[in-house]
Every structure is written in C-alpha cells, then in structure tokens.
Amino acid sequence: MTAGTPLDRIDDDDYPAYTMGRAAEMLGTTPAFLRALGEARLITPLRSEGGHRRYSRYQLRIAARARELVDQGTGIEAACRIIILEDQLEEAQRINEELRRGGVGSGHKADA
C-alpha cells in the first residue's frame, strides 16, 4: 500500500467516514438527536462536498456517551456539559500524570 491512499484512513478516528443516517443507525438514535448535539456544540460534523454531515468514529463515541446520559434521564444540554467536563477532567489528569513522570512543575526546589 502506498502512502496517501484512502485505505490509510481506515484506522483514523478523526476521519469523517459516516453519513448522518449511518451514524444515527449505528447509535440507535435519530438524525435529529445528532443535529441537537451539533446545535449544543458538543460535536461539529464535517461537511461533504455536497454539504452533507459526516461523522468520525471519535464523534460517534461522544454521541454514544450523550445518548447514554439522555437515556438515563439527563437533559441534552446537561448531558453535553457533563461530557465536556469529563473530557476536561481527563485531559487535566493526563497532563498531571505527564508532569509527575517528567518531574516538571513538581513544586520542589533543589536544595541550595
């Protein structure tokens, strides 16, 4: 396989491979639910040349988490906020772990 072929994107979580209809089918939801997630700015699908929404696997995982929260009775706006906060927490924990491993910013000063 040569570099730059469409097959290079098969494992790319950010490649917008799924149409709105297919994404809704995979999630067991409706296109309206996906549009609502876009309106809440939780996910922003890319657009095909024809203007159709396309979703990546990463976006589908986020949408699946939103659906899980909504199915549990959480309002869609609150579900989106929860997911954003979860993502921010995960990122902060990742940064903290990197700092711990690297010793950067540990707050300890060398003895004089």
PDB file of N, CA and C in Angstrom:
ATOM      1  N   MET A   1       0.845  -1.172   0.000  1.00  0.00           N
ATOM      2  CA  MET A   1       0.000   0.000   0.000  1.00  0.00           C
ATOM      3  C   MET A   1       0.890   1.235   0.000  1.00  0.00           C
ATOM      4  N   THR A   2       0.597   2.181  -0.861  1.00  0.00           N
ATOM      5  CA  THR A   2       1.396   3.393  -0.929  1.00  0.00           C
ATOM      6  C   THR A   2       0.816   4.451  -0.008  1.00  0.00           C
ATOM      7  N   ALA A   3       1.668   5.356   0.420  1.00  0.00           N
ATOM      8  CA  ALA A   3       1.227   6.429   1.319  1.00  0.00           C
ATOM      9  C   ALA A   3       0.238   7.324   0.595  1.00  0.00           C
ATOM     10  N   GLY A   4      -0.716   7.824   1.328  1.00  0.00           N
ATOM     11  CA  GLY A   4      -1.663   8.762   0.753  1.00  0.00           C
ATOM     12  C   GLY A   4      -2.902   8.130   0.137  1.00  0.00           C
ATOM     13  N   THR A   5      -3.080   6.822   0.257  1.00  0.00           N
ATOM     14  CA  THR A   5      -4.264   6.184  -0.295  1.00  0.00           C
ATOM     15  C   THR A   5      -5.414   6.288   0.698  1.00  0.00           C
ATOM     16  N   PRO A   6      -6.659   6.185   0.227  1.00  0.00           N
ATOM     17  CA  PRO A   6      -7.798   6.240   1.146  1.00  0.00           C
ATOM     18  C   PRO A   6      -7.747   5.167   2.232  1.00  0.00           C
ATOM     19  N   LEU A   7      -7.097   4.034   1.956  1.00  0.00           N
ATOM     20  CA  LEU A   7      -7.002   2.977   2.960  1.00  0.00           C
ATOM     21  C   LEU A   7      -6.180   3.410   4.168  1.00  0.00           C
ATOM     22  N   ASP A   8      -5.351   4.439   4.013  1.00  0.00           N
ATOM     23  CA  ASP A   8      -4.576   4.967   5.142  1.00  0.00           C
ATOM     24  C   ASP A   8      -5.497   5.519   6.228  1.00  0.00           C
ATOM     25  N   ARG A   9      -6.720   5.858   5.867  1.00  0.00           N
ATOM     26  CA  ARG A   9      -7.643   6.488   6.808  1.00  0.00           C
ATOM     27  C   ARG A   9      -8.512   5.494   7.573  1.00  0.00           C
ATOM     28  N   ILE A  10      -8.407   4.233   7.277  1.00  0.00           N
ATOM     29  CA  ILE A  10      -9.263   3.227   7.906  1.00  0.00           C
ATOM     30  C   ILE A  10      -9.161   3.275   9.419  1.00  0.00           C
ATOM     31  N   ASP A  11      -7.983   3.459   9.946  1.00  0.00           N
ATOM     32  CA  ASP A  11      -7.785   3.469  11.396  1.00  0.00           C
ATOM     33  C   ASP A  11      -7.801   4.876  11.988  1.00  0.00           C
ATOM     34  N   ASP A  12      -8.112   5.875  11.191  1.00  0.00           N
ATOM     35  CA  ASP A  12      -8.109   7.269  11.646  1.00  0.00           C
ATOM     36  C   ASP A  12      -9.427   7.582  12.350  1.00  0.00           C
ATOM     37  N   ASP A  13      -9.368   7.763  13.679  1.00  0.00           N
ATOM     38  CA  ASP A  13     -10.570   8.046  14.469  1.00  0.00           C
ATOM     39  C   ASP A  13     -11.211   9.379  14.114  1.00  0.00           C
ATOM     40  N   ASP A  14     -10.442  10.271  13.487  1.00  0.00           N
ATOM     41  CA  ASP A  14     -10.957  11.602  13.165  1.00  0.00           C
ATOM     42  C   ASP A  14     -11.464  11.729  11.729  1.00  0.00           C
ATOM     43  N   TYR A  15     -11.319  10.675  10.938  1.00  0.00           N
ATOM     44  CA  TYR A  15     -11.772  10.742   9.546  1.00  0.00           C
ATOM     45  C   TYR A  15     -13.299  10.690   9.496  1.00  0.00           C
ATOM     46  N   PRO A  16     -13.931  11.668   8.853  1.00  0.00           N
ATOM     47  CA  PRO A  16     -15.399  11.726   8.816  1.00  0.00           C
ATOM     48  C   PRO A  16     -16.001  10.730   7.818  1.00  0.00           C
ATOM     49  N   ALA A  17     -16.077   9.493   8.224  1.00  0.00           N
ATOM     50  CA  ALA A  17     -16.463   8.415   7.314  1.00  0.00           C
ATOM     51  C   ALA A  17     -17.957   8.109   7.293  1.00  0.00           C
ATOM     52  N   TYR A  18     -18.717   8.594   8.278  1.00  0.00           N
ATOM     53  CA  TYR A  18     -20.099   8.154   8.429  1.00  0.00           C
ATOM     54  C   TYR A  18     -21.093   9.263   8.112  1.00  0.00           C
ATOM     55  N   THR A  19     -22.065   8.927   7.290  1.00  0.00           N
ATOM     56  CA  THR A  19     -23.141   9.870   6.998  1.00  0.00           C
ATOM     57  C   THR A  19     -24.034  10.003   8.231  1.00  0.00           C
ATOM     58  N   MET A  20     -24.854  11.027   8.240  1.00  0.00           N
ATOM     59  CA  MET A  20     -25.755  11.225   9.375  1.00  0.00           C
ATOM     60  C   MET A  20     -26.676  10.018   9.549  1.00  0.00           C
ATOM     61  N   GLY A  21     -27.232   9.518   8.475  1.00  0.00           N
ATOM     62  CA  GLY A  21     -28.139   8.378   8.559  1.00  0.00           C
ATOM     63  C   GLY A  21     -27.450   7.143   9.116  1.00  0.00           C
ATOM     64  N   ARG A  22     -26.242   6.876   8.625  1.00  0.00           N
ATOM     65  CA  ARG A  22     -25.492   5.709   9.105  1.00  0.00           C
ATOM     66  C   ARG A  22     -25.087   5.893  10.564  1.00  0.00           C
ATOM     67  N   ALA A  23     -24.655   7.097  10.922  1.00  0.00           N
ATOM     68  CA  ALA A  23     -24.260   7.374  12.304  1.00  0.00           C
ATOM     69  C   ALA A  23     -25.450   7.182  13.240  1.00  0.00           C
ATOM     70  N   ALA A  24     -26.611   7.705  12.868  1.00  0.00           N
ATOM     71  CA  ALA A  24     -27.815   7.553  13.693  1.00  0.00           C
ATOM     72  C   ALA A  24     -28.182   6.084  13.830  1.00  0.00           C
ATOM     73  N   GLU A  25     -28.086   5.348  12.739  1.00  0.00           N
ATOM     74  CA  GLU A  25     -28.390   3.909  12.766  1.00  0.00           C
ATOM     75  C   GLU A  25     -27.438   3.171  13.701  1.00  0.00           C
ATOM     76  N   MET A  26     -26.159   3.475  13.621  1.00  0.00           N
ATOM     77  CA  MET A  26     -25.169   2.810  14.461  1.00  0.00           C
ATOM     78  C   MET A  26     -25.403   3.099  15.944  1.00  0.00           C
ATOM     79  N   LEU A  27     -25.867   4.308  16.245  1.00  0.00           N
ATOM     80  CA  LEU A  27     -26.104   4.714  17.634  1.00  0.00           C
ATOM     81  C   LEU A  27     -27.493   4.341  18.133  1.00  0.00           C
ATOM     82  N   GLY A  28     -28.352   3.903  17.218  1.00  0.00           N
ATOM     83  CA  GLY A  28     -29.724   3.580  17.598  1.00  0.00           C
ATOM     84  C   GLY A  28     -30.514   4.820  17.983  1.00  0.00           C
ATOM     85  N   THR A  29     -30.252   5.896  17.279  1.00  0.00           N
ATOM     86  CA  THR A  29     -30.926   7.160  17.564  1.00  0.00           C
ATOM     87  C   THR A  29     -31.435   7.767  16.261  1.00  0.00           C
ATOM     88  N   THR A  30     -31.791   9.023  16.295  1.00  0.00           N
ATOM     89  CA  THR A  30     -32.324   9.693  15.106  1.00  0.00           C
ATOM     90  C   THR A  30     -31.358  10.765  14.617  1.00  0.00           C
ATOM     91  N   PRO A  31     -31.478  11.144  13.348  1.00  0.00           N
ATOM     92  CA  PRO A  31     -30.679  12.268  12.860  1.00  0.00           C
ATOM     93  C   PRO A  31     -30.942  13.546  13.669  1.00  0.00           C
ATOM     94  N   ALA A  32     -32.166  13.715  14.155  1.00  0.00           N
ATOM     95  CA  ALA A  32     -32.490  14.900  14.955  1.00  0.00           C
ATOM     96  C   ALA A  32     -31.638  14.954  16.228  1.00  0.00           C
ATOM     97  N   PHE A  33     -31.375  13.802  16.825  1.00  0.00           N
ATOM     98  CA  PHE A  33     -30.530  13.754  18.017  1.00  0.00           C
ATOM     99  C   PHE A  33     -29.118  14.239  17.674  1.00  0.00           C
ATOM    100  N   LEU A  34     -28.581  13.779  16.547  1.00  0.00           N
ATOM    101  CA  LEU A  34     -27.247  14.208  16.126  1.00  0.00           C
ATOM    102  C   LEU A  34     -27.227  15.704  15.816  1.00  0.00           C
ATOM    103  N   ARG A  35     -28.276  16.202  15.186  1.00  0.00           N
ATOM    104  CA  ARG A  35     -28.358  17.646  14.926  1.00  0.00           C
ATOM    105  C   ARG A  35     -28.376  18.422  16.238  1.00  0.00           C
ATOM    106  N   ALA A  36     -29.111  17.904  17.241  1.00  0.00           N
ATOM    107  CA  ALA A  36     -29.183  18.571  18.549  1.00  0.00           C
ATOM    108  C   ALA A  36     -27.804  18.620  19.204  1.00  0.00           C
ATOM    109  N   LEU A  37     -27.014  17.568  19.058  1.00  0.00           N
ATOM    110  CA  LEU A  37     -25.658  17.573  19.613  1.00  0.00           C
ATOM    111  C   LEU A  37     -24.794  18.615  18.920  1.00  0.00           C
ATOM    112  N   GLY A  38     -25.032  18.790  17.636  1.00  0.00           N
ATOM    113  CA  GLY A  38     -24.320  19.826  16.888  1.00  0.00           C
ATOM    114  C   GLY A  38     -24.744  21.222  17.324  1.00  0.00           C
ATOM    115  N   GLU A  39     -26.043  21.412  17.536  1.00  0.00           N
ATOM    116  CA  GLU A  39     -26.551  22.710  17.988  1.00  0.00           C
ATOM    117  C   GLU A  39     -26.027  23.049  19.381  1.00  0.00           C
ATOM    118  N   ALA A  40     -25.831  22.022  20.216  1.00  0.00           N
ATOM    119  CA  ALA A  40     -25.286  22.220  21.558  1.00  0.00           C
ATOM    120  C   ALA A  40     -23.761  22.359  21.519  1.00  0.00           C
ATOM    121  N   ARG A  41     -23.177  22.245  20.342  1.00  0.00           N
ATOM    122  CA  ARG A  41     -21.735  22.369  20.108  1.00  0.00           C
ATOM    123  C   ARG A  41     -20.911  21.278  20.801  1.00  0.00           C
ATOM    124  N   LEU A  42     -21.539  20.128  21.009  1.00  0.00           N
ATOM    125  CA  LEU A  42     -20.786  19.005  21.566  1.00  0.00           C
ATOM    126  C   LEU A  42     -19.918  18.378  20.481  1.00  0.00           C
ATOM    127  N   ILE A  43     -20.507  18.178  19.317  1.00  0.00           N
ATOM    128  CA  ILE A  43     -19.756  17.671  18.168  1.00  0.00           C
ATOM    129  C   ILE A  43     -20.090  18.546  16.964  1.00  0.00           C
ATOM    130  N   THR A  44     -19.110  18.748  16.125  1.00  0.00           N
ATOM    131  CA  THR A  44     -19.306  19.529  14.906  1.00  0.00           C
ATOM    132  C   THR A  44     -18.908  18.651  13.736  1.00  0.00           C
ATOM    133  N   PRO A  45     -19.896  18.095  13.049  1.00  0.00           N
ATOM    134  CA  PRO A  45     -19.558  17.214  11.927  1.00  0.00           C
ATOM    135  C   PRO A  45     -18.924  18.011  10.788  1.00  0.00           C
ATOM    136  N   LEU A  46     -18.080  17.343  10.047  1.00  0.00           N
ATOM    137  CA  LEU A  46     -17.545  17.958   8.844  1.00  0.00           C
ATOM    138  C   LEU A  46     -18.604  17.850   7.760  1.00  0.00           C
ATOM    139  N   ARG A  47     -18.442  18.595   6.721  1.00  0.00           N
ATOM    140  CA  ARG A  47     -19.404  18.564   5.616  1.00  0.00           C
ATOM    141  C   ARG A  47     -18.742  17.989   4.372  1.00  0.00           C
ATOM    142  N   SER A  48     -19.502  17.153   3.657  1.00  0.00           N
ATOM    143  CA  SER A  48     -19.019  16.611   2.389  1.00  0.00           C
ATOM    144  C   SER A  48     -19.053  17.736   1.352  1.00  0.00           C
ATOM    145  N   GLU A  49     -18.514  17.462   0.182  1.00  0.00           N
ATOM    146  CA  GLU A  49     -18.549  18.475  -0.881  1.00  0.00           C
ATOM    147  C   GLU A  49     -19.976  18.871  -1.209  1.00  0.00           C
ATOM    148  N   GLY A  50     -20.907  17.951  -1.023  1.00  0.00           N
ATOM    149  CA  GLY A  50     -22.316  18.236  -1.291  1.00  0.00           C
ATOM    150  C   GLY A  50     -23.028  18.882  -0.108  1.00  0.00           C
ATOM    151  N   GLY A  51     -22.318  19.125   0.991  1.00  0.00           N
ATOM    152  CA  GLY A  51     -22.904  19.790   2.145  1.00  0.00           C
ATOM    153  C   GLY A  51     -23.519  18.863   3.177  1.00  0.00           C
ATOM    154  N   HIS A  52     -23.354  17.549   2.996  1.00  0.00           N
ATOM    155  CA  HIS A  52     -23.927  16.592   3.937  1.00  0.00           C
ATOM    156  C   HIS A  52     -23.010  16.404   5.149  1.00  0.00           C
ATOM    157  N   ARG A  53     -23.621  16.211   6.306  1.00  0.00           N
ATOM    158  CA  ARG A  53     -22.853  16.000   7.539  1.00  0.00           C
ATOM    159  C   ARG A  53     -22.152  14.643   7.498  1.00  0.00           C
ATOM    160  N   ARG A  54     -20.912  14.646   7.969  1.00  0.00           N
ATOM    161  CA  ARG A  54     -20.117  13.420   8.074  1.00  0.00           C
ATOM    162  C   ARG A  54     -19.510  13.366   9.466  1.00  0.00           C
ATOM    163  N   TYR A  55     -19.568  12.173  10.071  1.00  0.00           N
ATOM    164  CA  TYR A  55     -19.108  11.983  11.442  1.00  0.00           C
ATOM    165  C   TYR A  55     -17.932  11.016  11.488  1.00  0.00           C
ATOM    166  N   SER A  56     -17.036  11.255  12.438  1.00  0.00           N
ATOM    167  CA  SER A  56     -15.890  10.372  12.653  1.00  0.00           C
ATOM    168  C   SER A  56     -16.228   9.367  13.761  1.00  0.00           C
ATOM    169  N   ARG A  57     -15.384   8.364  13.896  1.00  0.00           N
ATOM    170  CA  ARG A  57     -15.575   7.385  14.980  1.00  0.00           C
ATOM    171  C   ARG A  57     -15.457   8.065  16.335  1.00  0.00           C
ATOM    172  N   TYR A  58     -14.544   9.010  16.456  1.00  0.00           N
ATOM    173  CA  TYR A  58     -14.386   9.746  17.706  1.00  0.00           C
ATOM    174  C   TYR A  58     -15.698  10.475  18.043  1.00  0.00           C
ATOM    175  N   GLN A  59     -16.283  11.140  17.068  1.00  0.00           N
ATOM    176  CA  GLN A  59     -17.541  11.847  17.298  1.00  0.00           C
ATOM    177  C   GLN A  59     -18.666  10.882  17.646  1.00  0.00           C
ATOM    178  N   LEU A  60     -18.655   9.705  17.053  1.00  0.00           N
ATOM    179  CA  LEU A  60     -19.687   8.714  17.367  1.00  0.00           C
ATOM    180  C   LEU A  60     -19.562   8.232  18.810  1.00  0.00           C
ATOM    181  N   ARG A  61     -18.338   8.104  19.311  1.00  0.00           N
ATOM    182  CA  ARG A  61     -18.158   7.717  20.716  1.00  0.00           C
ATOM    183  C   ARG A  61     -18.713   8.797  21.648  1.00  0.00           C
ATOM    184  N   ILE A  62     -18.488  10.056  21.313  1.00  0.00           N
ATOM    185  CA  ILE A  62     -19.026  11.156  22.115  1.00  0.00           C
ATOM    186  C   ILE A  62     -20.554  11.142  22.055  1.00  0.00           C
ATOM    187  N   ALA A  63     -21.101  10.958  20.865  1.00  0.00           N
ATOM    188  CA  ALA A  63     -22.556  10.914  20.709  1.00  0.00           C
ATOM    189  C   ALA A  63     -23.155   9.738  21.471  1.00  0.00           C
ATOM    190  N   ALA A  64     -22.452   8.604  21.485  1.00  0.00           N
ATOM    191  CA  ALA A  64     -22.941   7.435  22.222  1.00  0.00           C
ATOM    192  C   ALA A  64     -22.986   7.729  23.720  1.00  0.00           C
ATOM    193  N   ARG A  65     -21.987   8.445  24.234  1.00  0.00           N
ATOM    194  CA  ARG A  65     -21.982   8.827  25.654  1.00  0.00           C
ATOM    195  C   ARG A  65     -23.148   9.774  25.947  1.00  0.00           C
ATOM    196  N   ALA A  66     -23.404  10.710  25.030  1.00  0.00           N
ATOM    197  CA  ALA A  66     -24.534  11.633  25.207  1.00  0.00           C
ATOM    198  C   ALA A  66     -25.848  10.864  25.217  1.00  0.00           C
ATOM    199  N   ARG A  67     -25.975   9.915  24.323  1.00  0.00           N
ATOM    200  CA  ARG A  67     -27.204   9.126  24.286  1.00  0.00           C
ATOM    201  C   ARG A  67     -27.389   8.350  25.590  1.00  0.00           C
ATOM    202  N   GLU A  68     -26.307   7.801  26.107  1.00  0.00           N
ATOM    203  CA  GLU A  68     -26.361   7.060  27.369  1.00  0.00           C
ATOM    204  C   GLU A  68     -26.896   7.963  28.492  1.00  0.00           C
ATOM    205  N   LEU A  69     -26.388   9.181  28.570  1.00  0.00           N
ATOM    206  CA  LEU A  69     -26.840  10.119  29.605  1.00  0.00           C
ATOM    207  C   LEU A  69     -28.297  10.521  29.406  1.00  0.00           C
ATOM    208  N   VAL A  70     -28.670  10.790  28.165  1.00  0.00           N
ATOM    209  CA  VAL A  70     -30.054  11.178  27.871  1.00  0.00           C
ATOM    210  C   VAL A  70     -31.003  10.025  28.179  1.00  0.00           C
ATOM    211  N   ASP A  71     -30.598   8.812  27.841  1.00  0.00           N
ATOM    212  CA  ASP A  71     -31.423   7.633  28.141  1.00  0.00           C
ATOM    213  C   ASP A  71     -31.621   7.450  29.641  1.00  0.00           C
ATOM    214  N   GLN A  72     -30.676   7.968  30.444  1.00  0.00           N
ATOM    215  CA  GLN A  72     -30.785   7.882  31.899  1.00  0.00           C
ATOM    216  C   GLN A  72     -31.609   9.030  32.481  1.00  0.00           C
ATOM    217  N   GLY A  73     -32.112   9.901  31.611  1.00  0.00           N
ATOM    218  CA  GLY A  73     -32.976  10.984  32.068  1.00  0.00           C
ATOM    219  C   GLY A  73     -32.336  12.358  32.140  1.00  0.00           C
ATOM    220  N   THR A  74     -31.088  12.471  31.728  1.00  0.00           N
ATOM    221  CA  THR A  74     -30.402  13.762  31.727  1.00  0.00           C
ATOM    222  C   THR A  74     -30.839  14.553  30.494  1.00  0.00           C
ATOM    223  N   GLY A  75     -31.108  15.832  30.667  1.00  0.00           N
ATOM    224  CA  GLY A  75     -31.439  16.679  29.526  1.00  0.00           C
ATOM    225  C   GLY A  75     -30.258  16.787  28.581  1.00  0.00           C
ATOM    226  N   ILE A  76     -30.529  17.057  27.322  1.00  0.00           N
ATOM    227  CA  ILE A  76     -29.451  17.050  26.323  1.00  0.00           C
ATOM    228  C   ILE A  76     -28.406  18.125  26.594  1.00  0.00           C
ATOM    229  N   GLU A  77     -28.832  19.327  26.998  1.00  0.00           N
ATOM    230  CA  GLU A  77     -27.858  20.388  27.297  1.00  0.00           C
ATOM    231  C   GLU A  77     -26.976  19.981  28.477  1.00  0.00           C
ATOM    232  N   ALA A  78     -27.584  19.419  29.521  1.00  0.00           N
ATOM    233  CA  ALA A  78     -26.820  18.975  30.694  1.00  0.00           C
ATOM    234  C   ALA A  78     -25.891  17.827  30.316  1.00  0.00           C
ATOM    235  N   ALA A  79     -26.365  16.907  29.476  1.00  0.00           N
ATOM    236  CA  ALA A  79     -25.531  15.783  29.040  1.00  0.00           C
ATOM    237  C   ALA A  79     -24.305  16.299  28.300  1.00  0.00           C
ATOM    238  N   CYS A  80     -24.497  17.283  27.447  1.00  0.00           N
ATOM    239  CA  CYS A  80     -23.365  17.847  26.702  1.00  0.00           C
ATOM    240  C   CYS A  80     -22.367  18.493  27.648  1.00  0.00           C
ATOM    241  N   ARG A  81     -22.865  19.214  28.635  1.00  0.00           N
ATOM    242  CA  ARG A  81     -21.981  19.869  29.606  1.00  0.00           C
ATOM    243  C   ARG A  81     -21.203  18.823  30.422  1.00  0.00           C
ATOM    244  N   ILE A  82     -21.882  17.763  30.823  1.00  0.00           N
ATOM    245  CA  ILE A  82     -21.215  16.683  31.571  1.00  0.00           C
ATOM    246  C   ILE A  82     -20.076  16.094  30.751  1.00  0.00           C
ATOM    247  N   ILE A  83     -20.331  15.835  29.476  1.00  0.00           N
ATOM    248  CA  ILE A  83     -19.316  15.231  28.614  1.00  0.00           C
ATOM    249  C   ILE A  83     -18.129  16.175  28.435  1.00  0.00           C
ATOM    250  N   ILE A  84     -18.403  17.459  28.279  1.00  0.00           N
ATOM    251  CA  ILE A  84     -17.323  18.439  28.154  1.00  0.00           C
ATOM    252  C   ILE A  84     -16.481  18.458  29.428  1.00  0.00           C
ATOM    253  N   LEU A  85     -17.145  18.442  30.582  1.00  0.00           N
ATOM    254  CA  LEU A  85     -16.414  18.439  31.853  1.00  0.00           C
ATOM    255  C   LEU A  85     -15.623  17.148  32.044  1.00  0.00           C
ATOM    256  N   GLU A  86     -16.192  16.020  31.647  1.00  0.00           N
ATOM    257  CA  GLU A  86     -15.470  14.748  31.736  1.00  0.00           C
ATOM    258  C   GLU A  86     -14.199  14.797  30.879  1.00  0.00           C
ATOM    259  N   ASP A  87     -14.336  15.370  29.689  1.00  0.00           N
ATOM    260  CA  ASP A  87     -13.200  15.477  28.780  1.00  0.00           C
ATOM    261  C   ASP A  87     -12.126  16.394  29.363  1.00  0.00           C
ATOM    262  N   GLN A  88     -12.544  17.515  29.952  1.00  0.00           N
ATOM    263  CA  GLN A  88     -11.586  18.434  30.570  1.00  0.00           C
ATOM    264  C   GLN A  88     -10.868  17.769  31.743  1.00  0.00           C
ATOM    265  N   LEU A  89     -11.605  17.016  32.545  1.00  0.00           N
ATOM    266  CA  LEU A  89     -11.005  16.307  33.675  1.00  0.00           C
ATOM    267  C   LEU A  89      -9.987  15.282  33.191  1.00  0.00           C
ATOM    268  N   GLU A  90     -10.363  14.523  32.174  1.00  0.00           N
ATOM    269  CA  GLU A  90      -9.450  13.512  31.630  1.00  0.00           C
ATOM    270  C   GLU A  90      -8.168  14.157  31.115  1.00  0.00           C
ATOM    271  N   GLU A  91      -8.302  15.289  30.425  1.00  0.00           N
ATOM    272  CA  GLU A  91      -7.124  15.996  29.908  1.00  0.00           C
ATOM    273  C   GLU A  91      -6.253  16.510  31.051  1.00  0.00           C
ATOM    274  N   ALA A  92      -6.861  17.075  32.089  1.00  0.00           N
ATOM    275  CA  ALA A  92      -6.104  17.569  33.244  1.00  0.00           C
ATOM    276  C   ALA A  92      -5.371  16.423  33.941  1.00  0.00           C
ATOM    277  N   GLN A  93      -6.028  15.276  34.066  1.00  0.00           N
ATOM    278  CA  GLN A  93      -5.384  14.123  34.687  1.00  0.00           C
ATOM    279  C   GLN A  93      -4.215  13.625  33.848  1.00  0.00           C
ATOM    280  N   ARG A  94      -4.376  13.656  32.532  1.00  0.00           N
ATOM    281  CA  ARG A  94      -3.293  13.234  31.634  1.00  0.00           C
ATOM    282  C   ARG A  94      -2.088  14.168  31.779  1.00  0.00           C
ATOM    283  N   ILE A  95      -2.349  15.467  31.809  1.00  0.00           N
ATOM    284  CA  ILE A  95      -1.268  16.444  31.961  1.00  0.00           C
ATOM    285  C   ILE A  95      -0.580  16.265  33.306  1.00  0.00           C
ATOM    286  N   ASN A  96      -1.359  16.091  34.367  1.00  0.00           N
ATOM    287  CA  ASN A  96      -0.780  15.881  35.700  1.00  0.00           C
ATOM    288  C   ASN A  96       0.121  14.651  35.722  1.00  0.00           C
ATOM    289  N   GLU A  97      -0.329  13.585  35.087  1.00  0.00           N
ATOM    290  CA  GLU A  97       0.472  12.355  35.054  1.00  0.00           C
ATOM    291  C   GLU A  97       1.772  12.584  34.286  1.00  0.00           C
ATOM    292  N   GLU A  98       1.710  13.310  33.171  1.00  0.00           N
ATOM    293  CA  GLU A  98       2.918  13.619  32.411  1.00  0.00           C
ATOM    294  C   GLU A  98       3.884  14.443  33.254  1.00  0.00           C
ATOM    295  N   LEU A  99       3.348  15.410  33.966  1.00  0.00           N
ATOM    296  CA  LEU A  99       4.197  16.247  34.821  1.00  0.00           C
ATOM    297  C   LEU A  99       4.822  15.424  35.938  1.00  0.00           C
ATOM    298  N   ARG A 100       4.058  14.507  36.515  1.00  0.00           N
ATOM    299  CA  ARG A 100       4.599  13.646  37.584  1.00  0.00           C
ATOM    300  C   ARG A 100       5.739  12.780  37.063  1.00  0.00           C
ATOM    301  N   ARG A 101       5.533  12.201  35.897  1.00  0.00           N
ATOM    302  CA  ARG A 101       6.565  11.327  35.325  1.00  0.00           C
ATOM    303  C   ARG A 101       7.805  12.103  34.935  1.00  0.00           C
ATOM    304  N   GLY A 102       7.616  13.315  34.418  1.00  0.00           N
ATOM    305  CA  GLY A 102       8.754  14.122  33.966  1.00  0.00           C
ATOM    306  C   GLY A 102       9.379  14.953  35.056  1.00  0.00           C
ATOM    307  N   GLY A 103       8.665  15.084  36.169  1.00  0.00           N
ATOM    308  CA  GLY A 103       9.196  15.879  37.274  1.00  0.00           C
ATOM    309  C   GLY A 103       9.095  17.366  37.044  1.00  0.00           C
ATOM    310  N   VAL A 104       8.541  17.783  35.909  1.00  0.00           N
ATOM    311  CA  VAL A 104       8.408  19.207  35.613  1.00  0.00           C
ATOM    312  C   VAL A 104       7.255  19.767  36.424  1.00  0.00           C
ATOM    313  N   GLY A 105       7.473  20.889  37.023  1.00  0.00           N
ATOM    314  CA  GLY A 105       6.408  21.553  37.761  1.00  0.00           C
ATOM    315  C   GLY A 105       6.014  20.842  39.038  1.00  0.00           C
ATOM    316  N   SER A 106       6.920  20.062  39.607  1.00  0.00           N
ATOM    317  CA  SER A 106       6.578  19.302  40.798  1.00  0.00           C
ATOM    318  C   SER A 106       6.465  20.177  42.040  1.00  0.00           C
ATOM    319  N   GLY A 107       6.965  21.418  41.956  1.00  0.00           N
ATOM    320  CA  GLY A 107       6.897  22.313  43.099  1.00  0.00           C
ATOM    321  C   GLY A 107       8.061  22.162  44.046  1.00  0.00           C
ATOM    322  N   HIS A 108       8.963  21.224  43.790  1.00  0.00           N
ATOM    323  CA  HIS A 108      10.123  21.009  44.659  1.00  0.00           C
ATOM    324  C   HIS A 108      11.312  21.775  44.116  1.00  0.00           C
ATOM    325  N   LYS A 109      11.949  22.542  44.964  1.00  0.00           N
ATOM    326  CA  LYS A 109      13.145  23.281  44.553  1.00  0.00           C
ATOM    327  C   LYS A 109      14.367  22.536  45.042  1.00  0.00           C
ATOM    328  N   ALA A 110      15.392  22.617  44.245  1.00  0.00           N
ATOM    329  CA  ALA A 110      16.646  21.968  44.654  1.00  0.00           C
ATOM    330  C   ALA A 110      17.185  22.664  45.901  1.00  0.00           C
ATOM    331  N   ASP A 111      17.780  21.881  46.780  1.00  0.00           N
ATOM    332  CA  ASP A 111      18.375  22.464  47.987  1.00  0.00           C
ATOM    333  C   ASP A 111      19.540  23.370  47.609  1.00  0.00           C
ATOM    334  N   ALA A 112      19.631  24.497  48.275  1.00  0.00           N
ATOM    335  CA  ALA A 112      20.688  25.462  47.956  1.00  0.00           C
ATOM    336  C   ALA A 112      21.972  25.115  48.659  1.00  0.00           C
TER     337      ALA A 112
END
